[in-house]
Amino acid sequence: MIIKFNLLKIHYKEEILVEESKLTLIKLYLGLLFLTLIVIVGGFFYYQMKIKDLENQKLEKEQKLKEYQVLAQRVKQLEEENEEIKKRITTIVNLKKLQGQKLKVIESLISSIGNNKILFSNLNLNSSKASFKALSSDLEYIANYLNNLENNKELFKYVELKKTVQQKRGPFSYVEFETEVGF
């Protein structure tokens, strides 16, 4: 019987395994590299699209800002016009009140004559006072008239007799007087 010993190692099996594992590692590295490149390129395109969207949003917002600025100027202009209109309305209302007040003053000056024999010769109205010259046949009529004016305290603040002059024209004698009334 013969016994044979084979002292040689079988290397061919190990080499195949090493080559297969090297190919697998290379394939894995290439796959990861390819995947990394795809992620980088995809990220680049994604962020480029994101940048374009943000730029479009910026343009839209700038356009809206311009529109709002135009609207703000228009609102400011309308507010100024509104204030001017309010001033005009206030002026008109005040004028109407003053107009009515002056008419009340004139009416009161005339209606206070009553039975007294008084004739106006001159009447001046200012914003807060009235002065007039008048004629009367007697001082008693003048005193009654001035009392009637003083009794109307809601309209007149003060009644002041400025001057009286007694005059005579032919057979007639009369009293010329000047008065100031504040309202």
N, C-alpha and C. Protein backbone atom coordinates (compact mmCIF):
# COMPACT_ATOMS: atom_id res chain seq x y z
N MET A 1 0.79 -1.13 0.00
CA MET A 1 0.00 0.00 0.00
C MET A 1 0.86 1.24 0.00
N ILE A 2 0.36 2.04 -0.71
CA ILE A 2 1.11 3.28 -0.91
C ILE A 2 0.23 4.44 -0.38
N ILE A 3 0.87 5.19 0.37
CA ILE A 3 0.18 6.37 0.90
C ILE A 3 0.84 7.59 0.25
N LYS A 4 -0.01 8.39 -0.26
CA LYS A 4 0.48 9.60 -0.91
C LYS A 4 0.10 10.80 -0.06
N PHE A 5 1.05 11.58 0.06
CA PHE A 5 0.77 12.83 0.80
C PHE A 5 0.88 13.98 -0.18
N ASN A 6 -0.08 14.73 -0.16
CA ASN A 6 -0.06 15.92 -1.01
C ASN A 6 0.22 17.11 -0.10
N LEU A 7 1.37 17.64 -0.22
CA LEU A 7 1.77 18.72 0.65
C LEU A 7 1.51 20.09 -0.01
N LEU A 8 1.05 20.11 -1.09
CA LEU A 8 0.74 21.38 -1.76
C LEU A 8 -0.62 21.89 -1.33
N LYS A 9 -0.62 23.13 -1.12
CA LYS A 9 -1.89 23.75 -0.73
C LYS A 9 -2.67 24.07 -1.98
N ILE A 10 -3.92 23.99 -1.82
CA ILE A 10 -4.76 24.32 -2.94
C ILE A 10 -5.05 25.83 -2.86
N HIS A 11 -4.50 26.55 -3.80
CA HIS A 11 -4.63 28.00 -3.77
C HIS A 11 -5.71 28.48 -4.70
N TYR A 12 -6.07 27.73 -5.57
CA TYR A 12 -7.03 28.23 -6.56
C TYR A 12 -8.35 28.60 -5.93
N LYS A 13 -8.77 27.94 -4.89
CA LYS A 13 -10.03 28.28 -4.26
C LYS A 13 -9.92 29.62 -3.53
N GLU A 14 -8.82 29.88 -2.90
CA GLU A 14 -8.66 31.13 -2.18
C GLU A 14 -8.57 32.30 -3.16
N GLU A 15 -7.94 32.16 -4.22
CA GLU A 15 -7.81 33.23 -5.18
C GLU A 15 -9.15 33.59 -5.78
N ILE A 16 -9.97 32.69 -6.01
CA ILE A 16 -11.29 32.97 -6.54
C ILE A 16 -12.10 33.75 -5.52
N LEU A 17 -11.98 33.37 -4.29
CA LEU A 17 -12.71 34.06 -3.23
C LEU A 17 -12.22 35.49 -3.09
N VAL A 18 -10.91 35.66 -3.16
CA VAL A 18 -10.35 37.01 -3.02
C VAL A 18 -10.78 37.85 -4.20
N GLU A 19 -10.74 37.30 -5.38
CA GLU A 19 -11.14 38.06 -6.55
C GLU A 19 -12.63 38.37 -6.51
N GLU A 20 -13.42 37.44 -6.07
CA GLU A 20 -14.86 37.71 -5.96
C GLU A 20 -15.12 38.75 -4.89
N SER A 21 -14.44 38.69 -3.76
CA SER A 21 -14.66 39.68 -2.71
C SER A 21 -14.14 41.04 -3.17
N LYS A 22 -13.06 41.10 -3.94
CA LYS A 22 -12.57 42.36 -4.47
C LYS A 22 -13.58 42.94 -5.46
N LEU A 23 -14.12 42.08 -6.31
CA LEU A 23 -15.14 42.55 -7.26
C LEU A 23 -16.38 43.04 -6.53
N THR A 24 -16.77 42.37 -5.50
CA THR A 24 -17.93 42.78 -4.73
C THR A 24 -17.68 44.12 -4.05
N LEU A 25 -16.49 44.28 -3.47
CA LEU A 25 -16.16 45.56 -2.83
C LEU A 25 -16.11 46.69 -3.85
N ILE A 26 -15.53 46.41 -5.03
CA ILE A 26 -15.46 47.43 -6.08
C ILE A 26 -16.87 47.78 -6.53
N LYS A 27 -17.70 46.77 -6.69
CA LYS A 27 -19.09 47.03 -7.09
C LYS A 27 -19.80 47.85 -6.00
N LEU A 28 -19.56 47.51 -4.76
CA LEU A 28 -20.18 48.24 -3.65
C LEU A 28 -19.68 49.68 -3.62
N TYR A 29 -18.37 49.90 -3.78
CA TYR A 29 -17.82 51.25 -3.80
C TYR A 29 -18.35 52.05 -4.98
N LEU A 30 -18.38 51.40 -6.15
CA LEU A 30 -18.93 52.07 -7.33
C LEU A 30 -20.41 52.40 -7.14
N GLY A 31 -21.16 51.50 -6.54
CA GLY A 31 -22.58 51.75 -6.28
C GLY A 31 -22.77 52.92 -5.31
N LEU A 32 -21.95 52.91 -4.24
CA LEU A 32 -22.02 54.03 -3.28
C LEU A 32 -21.58 55.34 -3.92
N LEU A 33 -20.54 55.29 -4.74
CA LEU A 33 -20.09 56.49 -5.45
C LEU A 33 -21.17 56.99 -6.39
N PHE A 34 -21.77 56.08 -7.13
CA PHE A 34 -22.85 56.45 -8.04
C PHE A 34 -24.03 57.04 -7.28
N LEU A 35 -24.40 56.39 -6.17
CA LEU A 35 -25.49 56.88 -5.33
C LEU A 35 -25.15 58.26 -4.76
N THR A 36 -23.91 58.46 -4.34
CA THR A 36 -23.48 59.76 -3.81
C THR A 36 -23.55 60.82 -4.89
N LEU A 37 -23.09 60.47 -6.10
CA LEU A 37 -23.17 61.42 -7.22
C LEU A 37 -24.62 61.76 -7.54
N ILE A 38 -25.48 60.77 -7.52
CA ILE A 38 -26.90 61.02 -7.80
C ILE A 38 -27.50 61.95 -6.73
N VAL A 39 -27.14 61.70 -5.46
CA VAL A 39 -27.64 62.55 -4.37
C VAL A 39 -27.11 63.98 -4.52
N ILE A 40 -25.84 64.11 -4.86
CA ILE A 40 -25.25 65.45 -5.03
C ILE A 40 -25.90 66.18 -6.20
N VAL A 41 -26.01 65.49 -7.34
CA VAL A 41 -26.64 66.11 -8.52
C VAL A 41 -28.11 66.42 -8.23
N GLY A 42 -28.80 65.49 -7.59
CA GLY A 42 -30.21 65.72 -7.24
C GLY A 42 -30.36 66.88 -6.26
N GLY A 43 -29.47 66.94 -5.28
CA GLY A 43 -29.49 68.05 -4.32
C GLY A 43 -29.22 69.37 -5.02
N PHE A 44 -28.25 69.35 -5.95
CA PHE A 44 -27.95 70.56 -6.70
C PHE A 44 -29.18 71.06 -7.46
N PHE A 45 -29.84 70.16 -8.20
CA PHE A 45 -31.03 70.55 -8.95
C PHE A 45 -32.16 70.97 -8.01
N TYR A 46 -32.29 70.26 -6.90
CA TYR A 46 -33.33 70.60 -5.93
C TYR A 46 -33.12 72.02 -5.40
N TYR A 47 -31.89 72.31 -5.00
CA TYR A 47 -31.61 73.64 -4.44
C TYR A 47 -31.67 74.72 -5.51
N GLN A 48 -31.33 74.38 -6.75
CA GLN A 48 -31.47 75.34 -7.84
C GLN A 48 -32.95 75.69 -8.04
N MET A 49 -33.79 74.67 -8.01
CA MET A 49 -35.23 74.91 -8.15
C MET A 49 -35.75 75.72 -6.96
N LYS A 50 -35.25 75.41 -5.77
CA LYS A 50 -35.65 76.12 -4.55
C LYS A 50 -35.23 77.59 -4.66
N ILE A 51 -34.03 77.84 -5.16
CA ILE A 51 -33.54 79.21 -5.33
C ILE A 51 -34.42 79.97 -6.33
N LYS A 52 -34.77 79.31 -7.44
CA LYS A 52 -35.64 79.96 -8.43
C LYS A 52 -37.00 80.27 -7.83
N ASP A 53 -37.56 79.34 -7.05
CA ASP A 53 -38.85 79.59 -6.39
C ASP A 53 -38.75 80.78 -5.43
N LEU A 54 -37.67 80.81 -4.67
CA LEU A 54 -37.49 81.92 -3.72
C LEU A 54 -37.32 83.25 -4.45
N GLU A 55 -36.60 83.23 -5.57
CA GLU A 55 -36.44 84.46 -6.36
C GLU A 55 -37.78 84.91 -6.92
N ASN A 56 -38.58 83.94 -7.41
CA ASN A 56 -39.92 84.28 -7.92
C ASN A 56 -40.79 84.86 -6.80
N GLN A 57 -40.71 84.25 -5.61
CA GLN A 57 -41.46 84.77 -4.47
C GLN A 57 -40.99 86.17 -4.11
N LYS A 58 -39.69 86.39 -4.17
CA LYS A 58 -39.13 87.71 -3.87
C LYS A 58 -39.67 88.74 -4.86
N LEU A 59 -39.67 88.40 -6.15
CA LEU A 59 -40.20 89.31 -7.17
C LEU A 59 -41.67 89.61 -6.94
N GLU A 60 -42.44 88.57 -6.63
CA GLU A 60 -43.87 88.76 -6.36
C GLU A 60 -44.08 89.66 -5.16
N LYS A 61 -43.29 89.44 -4.11
CA LYS A 61 -43.45 90.25 -2.89
C LYS A 61 -43.00 91.68 -3.13
N GLU A 62 -41.96 91.88 -3.92
CA GLU A 62 -41.55 93.24 -4.27
C GLU A 62 -42.64 93.94 -5.07
N GLN A 63 -43.27 93.20 -5.97
CA GLN A 63 -44.36 93.76 -6.76
C GLN A 63 -45.54 94.14 -5.85
N LYS A 64 -45.87 93.27 -4.91
CA LYS A 64 -46.95 93.56 -3.96
C LYS A 64 -46.58 94.75 -3.09
N LEU A 65 -45.29 94.83 -2.70
CA LEU A 65 -44.84 95.96 -1.89
C LEU A 65 -45.03 97.26 -2.64
N LYS A 66 -44.69 97.27 -3.92
CA LYS A 66 -44.90 98.47 -4.73
C LYS A 66 -46.38 98.82 -4.81
N GLU A 67 -47.22 97.82 -5.00
CA GLU A 67 -48.67 98.06 -5.04
C GLU A 67 -49.16 98.62 -3.71
N TYR A 68 -48.67 98.07 -2.60
CA TYR A 68 -49.08 98.55 -1.28
C TYR A 68 -48.57 99.97 -1.02
N GLN A 69 -47.38 100.28 -1.53
CA GLN A 69 -46.87 101.63 -1.38
C GLN A 69 -47.74 102.62 -2.14
N VAL A 70 -48.16 102.23 -3.34
CA VAL A 70 -49.06 103.08 -4.11
C VAL A 70 -50.38 103.25 -3.36
N LEU A 71 -50.89 102.14 -2.81
CA LEU A 71 -52.13 102.21 -2.03
C LEU A 71 -51.95 103.09 -0.79
N ALA A 72 -50.80 102.98 -0.13
CA ALA A 72 -50.54 103.78 1.06
C ALA A 72 -50.50 105.27 0.71
N GLN A 73 -49.90 105.60 -0.42
CA GLN A 73 -49.89 106.99 -0.86
C GLN A 73 -51.30 107.47 -1.17
N ARG A 74 -52.07 106.62 -1.79
CA ARG A 74 -53.46 106.98 -2.13
C ARG A 74 -54.28 107.18 -0.85
N VAL A 75 -54.08 106.28 0.13
CA VAL A 75 -54.79 106.40 1.41
C VAL A 75 -54.40 107.70 2.10
N LYS A 76 -53.11 108.02 2.07
CA LYS A 76 -52.63 109.26 2.70
C LYS A 76 -53.26 110.46 2.01
N GLN A 77 -53.31 110.42 0.70
CA GLN A 77 -53.92 111.51 -0.06
C GLN A 77 -55.40 111.63 0.27
N LEU A 78 -56.09 110.49 0.38
CA LEU A 78 -57.51 110.52 0.72
C LEU A 78 -57.73 111.04 2.14
N GLU A 79 -56.83 110.69 3.06
CA GLU A 79 -56.95 111.21 4.42
C GLU A 79 -56.78 112.72 4.44
N GLU A 80 -55.83 113.24 3.65
CA GLU A 80 -55.63 114.68 3.57
C GLU A 80 -56.87 115.35 2.99
N GLU A 81 -57.43 114.75 1.93
CA GLU A 81 -58.66 115.28 1.35
C GLU A 81 -59.80 115.23 2.36
N ASN A 82 -59.86 114.15 3.12
CA ASN A 82 -60.89 114.00 4.14
C ASN A 82 -60.77 115.10 5.19
N GLU A 83 -59.55 115.37 5.64
CA GLU A 83 -59.32 116.44 6.62
C GLU A 83 -59.74 117.79 6.04
N GLU A 84 -59.39 118.02 4.79
CA GLU A 84 -59.76 119.28 4.15
C GLU A 84 -61.28 119.40 4.05
N ILE A 85 -61.94 118.32 3.70
CA ILE A 85 -63.40 118.33 3.61
C ILE A 85 -64.02 118.56 4.98
N LYS A 86 -63.45 117.93 6.02
CA LYS A 86 -63.94 118.15 7.39
C LYS A 86 -63.82 119.62 7.77
N LYS A 87 -62.67 120.23 7.43
CA LYS A 87 -62.48 121.65 7.72
C LYS A 87 -63.52 122.50 6.99
N ARG A 88 -63.75 122.17 5.74
CA ARG A 88 -64.75 122.93 4.97
C ARG A 88 -66.14 122.78 5.58
N ILE A 89 -66.48 121.55 5.96
CA ILE A 89 -67.80 121.31 6.55
C ILE A 89 -67.93 122.08 7.87
N THR A 90 -66.87 122.04 8.69
CA THR A 90 -66.89 122.77 9.96
C THR A 90 -67.04 124.27 9.71
N THR A 91 -66.34 124.78 8.72
CA THR A 91 -66.44 126.19 8.40
C THR A 91 -67.86 126.54 7.94
N ILE A 92 -68.43 125.69 7.10
CA ILE A 92 -69.79 125.95 6.61
C ILE A 92 -70.78 125.91 7.76
N VAL A 93 -70.63 124.92 8.65
CA VAL A 93 -71.55 124.81 9.80
C VAL A 93 -71.41 126.04 10.69
N ASN A 94 -70.17 126.46 10.94
CA ASN A 94 -69.96 127.65 11.76
C ASN A 94 -70.53 128.90 11.11
N LEU A 95 -70.35 128.99 9.80
CA LEU A 95 -70.92 130.14 9.09
C LEU A 95 -72.45 130.15 9.16
N LYS A 96 -73.04 128.97 9.03
CA LYS A 96 -74.50 128.90 9.13
C LYS A 96 -74.96 129.28 10.53
N LYS A 97 -74.22 128.82 11.55
CA LYS A 97 -74.57 129.19 12.92
C LYS A 97 -74.44 130.69 13.10
N LEU A 98 -73.32 131.26 12.60
CA LEU A 98 -73.13 132.70 12.73
C LEU A 98 -74.18 133.48 11.94
N GLN A 99 -74.52 132.94 10.77
CA GLN A 99 -75.53 133.59 9.96
C GLN A 99 -76.85 133.61 10.71
N GLY A 100 -77.19 132.48 11.28
CA GLY A 100 -78.43 132.41 12.05
C GLY A 100 -78.37 133.28 13.27
N GLN A 101 -77.19 133.36 13.89
CA GLN A 101 -77.05 134.18 15.09
C GLN A 101 -77.19 135.67 14.74
N LYS A 102 -76.59 136.08 13.66
CA LYS A 102 -76.70 137.49 13.27
C LYS A 102 -78.14 137.84 12.92
N LEU A 103 -78.81 136.88 12.27
CA LEU A 103 -80.22 137.15 11.98
C LEU A 103 -81.02 137.24 13.27
N LYS A 104 -80.70 136.41 14.25
CA LYS A 104 -81.38 136.49 15.55
C LYS A 104 -81.10 137.82 16.22
N VAL A 105 -79.85 138.29 16.11
CA VAL A 105 -79.49 139.58 16.71
C VAL A 105 -80.29 140.70 16.07
N ILE A 106 -80.34 140.71 14.76
CA ILE A 106 -81.09 141.76 14.06
C ILE A 106 -82.56 141.68 14.43
N GLU A 107 -83.10 140.46 14.43
CA GLU A 107 -84.51 140.30 14.78
C GLU A 107 -84.77 140.77 16.21
N SER A 108 -83.87 140.42 17.12
CA SER A 108 -84.05 140.82 18.52
C SER A 108 -83.92 142.32 18.68
N LEU A 109 -82.98 142.93 17.96
CA LEU A 109 -82.83 144.38 18.03
C LEU A 109 -84.10 145.08 17.56
N ILE A 110 -84.69 144.55 16.52
CA ILE A 110 -85.90 145.19 15.97
C ILE A 110 -87.13 144.85 16.82
N SER A 111 -87.24 143.60 17.26
CA SER A 111 -88.43 143.21 18.02
C SER A 111 -88.43 143.81 19.43
N SER A 112 -87.25 144.19 19.95
CA SER A 112 -87.19 144.81 21.27
C SER A 112 -87.73 146.23 21.27
N ILE A 113 -87.93 146.80 20.11
CA ILE A 113 -88.49 148.17 20.03
C ILE A 113 -89.89 148.18 20.63
N GLY A 114 -90.68 147.18 20.26
CA GLY A 114 -92.04 147.08 20.83
C GLY A 114 -92.85 148.35 20.58
N ASN A 115 -93.42 148.90 21.64
CA ASN A 115 -94.24 150.12 21.53
C ASN A 115 -93.41 151.38 21.61
N ASN A 116 -92.13 151.25 21.82
CA ASN A 116 -91.26 152.42 21.91
C ASN A 116 -91.10 153.04 20.54
N LYS A 117 -91.04 154.33 20.51
CA LYS A 117 -90.93 155.04 19.23
C LYS A 117 -89.45 155.30 18.97
N ILE A 118 -88.85 154.34 18.23
CA ILE A 118 -87.42 154.41 17.93
C ILE A 118 -87.23 154.15 16.44
N LEU A 119 -86.31 154.90 15.84
CA LEU A 119 -86.02 154.77 14.41
C LEU A 119 -84.51 154.57 14.25
N PHE A 120 -84.13 153.46 13.60
CA PHE A 120 -82.71 153.20 13.37
C PHE A 120 -82.20 154.05 12.22
N SER A 121 -81.00 154.60 12.39
CA SER A 121 -80.40 155.35 11.30
C SER A 121 -79.14 154.66 10.76
N ASN A 122 -78.48 153.88 11.60
CA ASN A 122 -77.26 153.20 11.17
C ASN A 122 -77.10 151.94 12.01
N LEU A 123 -76.77 150.78 11.36
CA LEU A 123 -76.57 149.52 12.06
C LEU A 123 -75.32 148.84 11.50
N ASN A 124 -74.37 148.51 12.40
CA ASN A 124 -73.13 147.81 12.01
C ASN A 124 -73.04 146.52 12.80
N LEU A 125 -72.87 145.40 12.09
CA LEU A 125 -72.71 144.10 12.74
C LEU A 125 -71.29 143.61 12.53
N ASN A 126 -70.65 143.21 13.62
CA ASN A 126 -69.34 142.56 13.57
C ASN A 126 -69.51 141.11 14.01
N SER A 127 -68.39 140.41 14.20
CA SER A 127 -68.48 139.00 14.57
C SER A 127 -69.01 138.79 15.98
N SER A 128 -68.77 139.75 16.89
CA SER A 128 -69.23 139.54 18.27
C SER A 128 -69.96 140.74 18.87
N LYS A 129 -70.19 141.77 18.08
CA LYS A 129 -70.91 142.93 18.60
C LYS A 129 -71.65 143.65 17.48
N ALA A 130 -72.61 144.44 17.91
CA ALA A 130 -73.39 145.26 16.98
C ALA A 130 -73.42 146.67 17.55
N SER A 131 -73.23 147.64 16.69
CA SER A 131 -73.36 149.03 17.12
C SER A 131 -74.34 149.71 16.18
N PHE A 132 -75.14 150.58 16.76
CA PHE A 132 -76.13 151.24 15.93
C PHE A 132 -76.42 152.64 16.46
N LYS A 133 -76.90 153.47 15.54
CA LYS A 133 -77.38 154.81 15.87
C LYS A 133 -78.87 154.80 15.60
N ALA A 134 -79.59 155.48 16.47
CA ALA A 134 -81.04 155.51 16.32
C ALA A 134 -81.57 156.86 16.82
N LEU A 135 -82.82 157.10 16.49
CA LEU A 135 -83.51 158.32 16.91
C LEU A 135 -84.74 157.94 17.71
N SER A 136 -85.07 158.79 18.69
CA SER A 136 -86.26 158.55 19.48
C SER A 136 -86.84 159.90 19.87
N SER A 137 -88.11 159.92 20.15
CA SER A 137 -88.74 161.18 20.53
C SER A 137 -88.59 161.46 22.03
N ASP A 138 -88.24 160.45 22.82
CA ASP A 138 -88.15 160.66 24.27
C ASP A 138 -87.08 159.74 24.86
N LEU A 139 -86.46 160.18 25.97
CA LEU A 139 -85.45 159.37 26.67
C LEU A 139 -86.07 158.13 27.30
N GLU A 140 -87.35 158.21 27.67
CA GLU A 140 -88.03 157.06 28.29
C GLU A 140 -88.13 155.89 27.30
N TYR A 141 -88.36 156.19 26.04
CA TYR A 141 -88.42 155.14 25.03
C TYR A 141 -87.05 154.46 24.88
N ILE A 142 -86.01 155.24 24.93
CA ILE A 142 -84.64 154.70 24.84
C ILE A 142 -84.37 153.79 26.03
N ALA A 143 -84.72 154.22 27.24
CA ALA A 143 -84.48 153.42 28.45
C ALA A 143 -85.27 152.12 28.38
N ASN A 144 -86.53 152.16 27.96
CA ASN A 144 -87.33 150.94 27.82
C ASN A 144 -86.69 149.98 26.80
N TYR A 145 -86.24 150.57 25.70
CA TYR A 145 -85.63 149.75 24.65
C TYR A 145 -84.36 149.06 25.16
N LEU A 146 -83.49 149.80 25.84
CA LEU A 146 -82.26 149.22 26.37
C LEU A 146 -82.55 148.16 27.43
N ASN A 147 -83.59 148.38 28.26
CA ASN A 147 -83.99 147.36 29.24
C ASN A 147 -84.46 146.08 28.55
N ASN A 148 -85.22 146.25 27.48
CA ASN A 148 -85.67 145.07 26.72
C ASN A 148 -84.48 144.29 26.17
N LEU A 149 -83.44 144.99 25.71
CA LEU A 149 -82.24 144.33 25.19
C LEU A 149 -81.48 143.62 26.31
N GLU A 150 -81.36 144.28 27.47
CA GLU A 150 -80.64 143.68 28.60
C GLU A 150 -81.36 142.45 29.14
N ASN A 151 -82.68 142.44 29.06
CA ASN A 151 -83.45 141.29 29.55
C ASN A 151 -83.25 140.05 28.68
N ASN A 152 -82.79 140.22 27.46
CA ASN A 152 -82.53 139.10 26.55
C ASN A 152 -81.09 138.62 26.77
N LYS A 153 -80.82 138.04 27.95
CA LYS A 153 -79.45 137.65 28.34
C LYS A 153 -78.94 136.42 27.59
N GLU A 154 -79.81 135.59 27.07
CA GLU A 154 -79.33 134.42 26.34
C GLU A 154 -78.71 134.79 25.00
N LEU A 155 -79.07 135.94 24.48
CA LEU A 155 -78.52 136.37 23.19
C LEU A 155 -77.45 137.46 23.37
N PHE A 156 -77.70 138.41 24.27
CA PHE A 156 -76.79 139.54 24.43
C PHE A 156 -75.97 139.42 25.71
N LYS A 157 -74.65 139.61 25.60
CA LYS A 157 -73.78 139.56 26.77
C LYS A 157 -73.79 140.90 27.51
N TYR A 158 -73.77 141.97 26.74
CA TYR A 158 -73.80 143.30 27.36
C TYR A 158 -74.50 144.28 26.44
N VAL A 159 -75.05 145.33 27.05
CA VAL A 159 -75.69 146.42 26.32
C VAL A 159 -75.11 147.71 26.88
N GLU A 160 -74.55 148.54 26.00
CA GLU A 160 -73.87 149.75 26.47
C GLU A 160 -74.36 150.95 25.66
N LEU A 161 -74.82 151.97 26.38
CA LEU A 161 -75.24 153.22 25.75
C LEU A 161 -73.99 154.08 25.61
N LYS A 162 -73.61 154.40 24.40
CA LYS A 162 -72.37 155.14 24.14
C LYS A 162 -72.57 156.65 24.23
N LYS A 163 -73.65 157.11 23.61
CA LYS A 163 -73.80 158.56 23.49
C LYS A 163 -75.27 158.90 23.28
N THR A 164 -75.70 159.99 23.85
CA THR A 164 -77.05 160.54 23.59
C THR A 164 -76.91 162.03 23.32
N VAL A 165 -77.63 162.47 22.34
CA VAL A 165 -77.62 163.90 21.97
C VAL A 165 -79.06 164.31 21.70
N GLN A 166 -79.48 165.36 22.40
CA GLN A 166 -80.84 165.86 22.19
C GLN A 166 -80.75 166.95 21.13
N GLN A 167 -81.60 166.85 20.10
CA GLN A 167 -81.57 167.81 19.00
C GLN A 167 -82.97 168.32 18.73
N LYS A 168 -83.01 169.47 18.03
CA LYS A 168 -84.28 170.11 17.71
C LYS A 168 -84.25 170.52 16.26
N ARG A 169 -85.27 170.19 15.54
CA ARG A 169 -85.42 170.57 14.13
C ARG A 169 -86.80 171.21 14.00
N GLY A 170 -86.80 172.42 13.85
CA GLY A 170 -88.08 173.13 13.74
C GLY A 170 -88.90 172.92 15.01
N PRO A 171 -90.17 172.56 14.86
CA PRO A 171 -91.01 172.38 16.04
C PRO A 171 -90.78 171.02 16.71
N PHE A 172 -90.00 170.17 16.07
CA PHE A 172 -89.79 168.81 16.59
C PHE A 172 -88.48 168.71 17.37
N SER A 173 -88.54 167.99 18.47
CA SER A 173 -87.30 167.70 19.21
C SER A 173 -87.18 166.18 19.29
N TYR A 174 -85.97 165.69 19.21
CA TYR A 174 -85.72 164.24 19.26
C TYR A 174 -84.38 164.00 19.92
N VAL A 175 -84.16 162.72 20.26
CA VAL A 175 -82.91 162.31 20.90
C VAL A 175 -82.21 161.33 19.97
N GLU A 176 -80.98 161.67 19.65
CA GLU A 176 -80.14 160.76 18.84
C GLU A 176 -79.22 160.03 19.80
N PHE A 177 -79.16 158.69 19.71
CA PHE A 177 -78.33 157.92 20.62
C PHE A 177 -77.54 156.86 19.86
N GLU A 178 -76.42 156.47 20.49
CA GLU A 178 -75.54 155.46 19.91
C GLU A 178 -75.36 154.36 20.95
N THR A 179 -75.51 153.09 20.53
CA THR A 179 -75.46 151.96 21.46
C THR A 179 -74.59 150.85 20.87
N GLU A 180 -73.96 150.10 21.80
CA GLU A 180 -73.17 148.93 21.39
C GLU A 180 -73.70 147.73 22.16
N VAL A 181 -73.88 146.61 21.45
CA VAL A 181 -74.42 145.38 22.04
C VAL A 181 -73.46 144.24 21.72
N GLY A 182 -73.05 143.50 22.76
CA GLY A 182 -72.19 142.33 22.55
C GLY A 182 -72.98 141.05 22.61
N PHE A 183 -72.64 140.11 21.73
CA PHE A 183 -73.36 138.82 21.72
C PHE A 183 -72.40 137.67 21.56
